[in-house]
Amino acid sequence: MDLPSSALPPLLPPLEAESLNPDPIIQFLSWLNAAAEAGNHDPCAMCLSTVRPDGSPAARMVLLKVA
């Protein structure tokens, strides 16, 4: 199935450690704001992944909520 180029997400530059903010909260907020400014349908939706004790992955979609 061929998708029109308008349906494809824009390519992002590679993630380089030198470009990251050392404060993970500030870095996260930067990514969240960039997603919102890019017109992302729901920038507060994300995939939370963990690893079970047996080593198998578990992933679920969550919504970031303000407390």
Protein backbone atom coordinates (compact mmCIF):
# COMPACT_ATOMS: atom_id res chain seq x y z
CA MET A 1 0.00 0.00 0.00
CA ASP A 2 1.43 3.35 -1.06
CA LEU A 3 0.68 6.29 1.19
CA PRO A 4 0.67 9.86 -0.08
CA SER A 5 3.70 11.78 1.15
CA SER A 6 1.38 14.07 3.14
CA ALA A 7 0.35 11.05 5.27
CA LEU A 8 3.93 10.25 6.25
CA PRO A 9 5.49 11.78 9.36
CA PRO A 10 8.32 14.25 8.73
CA LEU A 11 11.83 12.87 9.07
CA LEU A 12 13.56 13.92 12.24
CA PRO A 13 17.28 14.51 12.60
CA PRO A 14 19.24 11.79 14.42
CA LEU A 15 19.19 12.00 18.21
CA GLU A 16 22.62 13.12 19.40
CA ALA A 17 23.58 13.06 23.08
CA GLU A 18 25.30 16.44 22.73
CA SER A 19 22.03 18.08 21.69
CA LEU A 20 20.06 16.86 24.72
CA ASN A 21 19.37 18.98 27.77
CA PRO A 22 21.00 17.42 30.85
CA ASP A 23 17.75 17.99 32.76
CA PRO A 24 15.36 15.23 31.60
CA ILE A 25 12.26 17.24 32.57
CA ILE A 26 13.34 20.21 30.46
CA GLN A 27 14.19 17.87 27.57
CA PHE A 28 10.81 16.15 27.80
CA LEU A 29 8.97 19.49 27.84
CA SER A 30 10.95 20.55 24.77
CA TRP A 31 9.83 17.43 22.89
CA LEU A 32 6.24 17.82 24.09
CA ASN A 33 6.11 21.46 22.98
CA ALA A 34 7.66 20.58 19.60
CA ALA A 35 5.01 17.89 19.07
CA ALA A 36 2.22 20.33 19.92
CA GLU A 37 3.66 23.05 17.66
CA ALA A 38 3.97 20.53 14.81
CA GLY A 39 0.22 19.96 14.99
CA ASN A 40 0.41 16.48 16.46
CA HIS A 41 -3.14 15.18 16.94
CA ASP A 42 -2.54 14.30 20.60
CA PRO A 43 0.97 15.18 21.81
CA CYS A 44 0.09 13.95 25.32
CA ALA A 45 -0.37 10.35 24.09
CA MET A 46 2.71 8.18 24.44
CA CYS A 47 3.85 4.60 24.65
CA LEU A 48 5.13 3.56 28.06
CA SER A 49 7.35 0.48 27.85
CA THR A 50 8.82 -1.61 30.64
CA VAL A 51 10.47 -5.00 30.95
CA ARG A 52 8.99 -7.80 33.04
CA PRO A 53 11.19 -9.80 35.46
CA ASP A 54 11.45 -12.57 32.84
CA GLY A 55 12.89 -10.05 30.35
CA SER A 56 9.86 -9.80 28.09
CA PRO A 57 8.71 -6.31 27.10
CA ALA A 58 5.38 -4.77 28.01
CA ALA A 59 4.05 -1.64 26.31
CA ARG A 60 0.88 0.36 26.71
CA MET A 61 -0.44 3.67 25.47
CA VAL A 62 -0.95 6.31 28.15
CA LEU A 63 -2.10 9.93 28.24
CA LEU A 64 -0.09 12.52 30.14
CA LYS A 65 -2.41 14.32 32.57
CA VAL A 66 -1.80 17.45 34.57
CA ALA A 67 -2.12 16.93 38.31
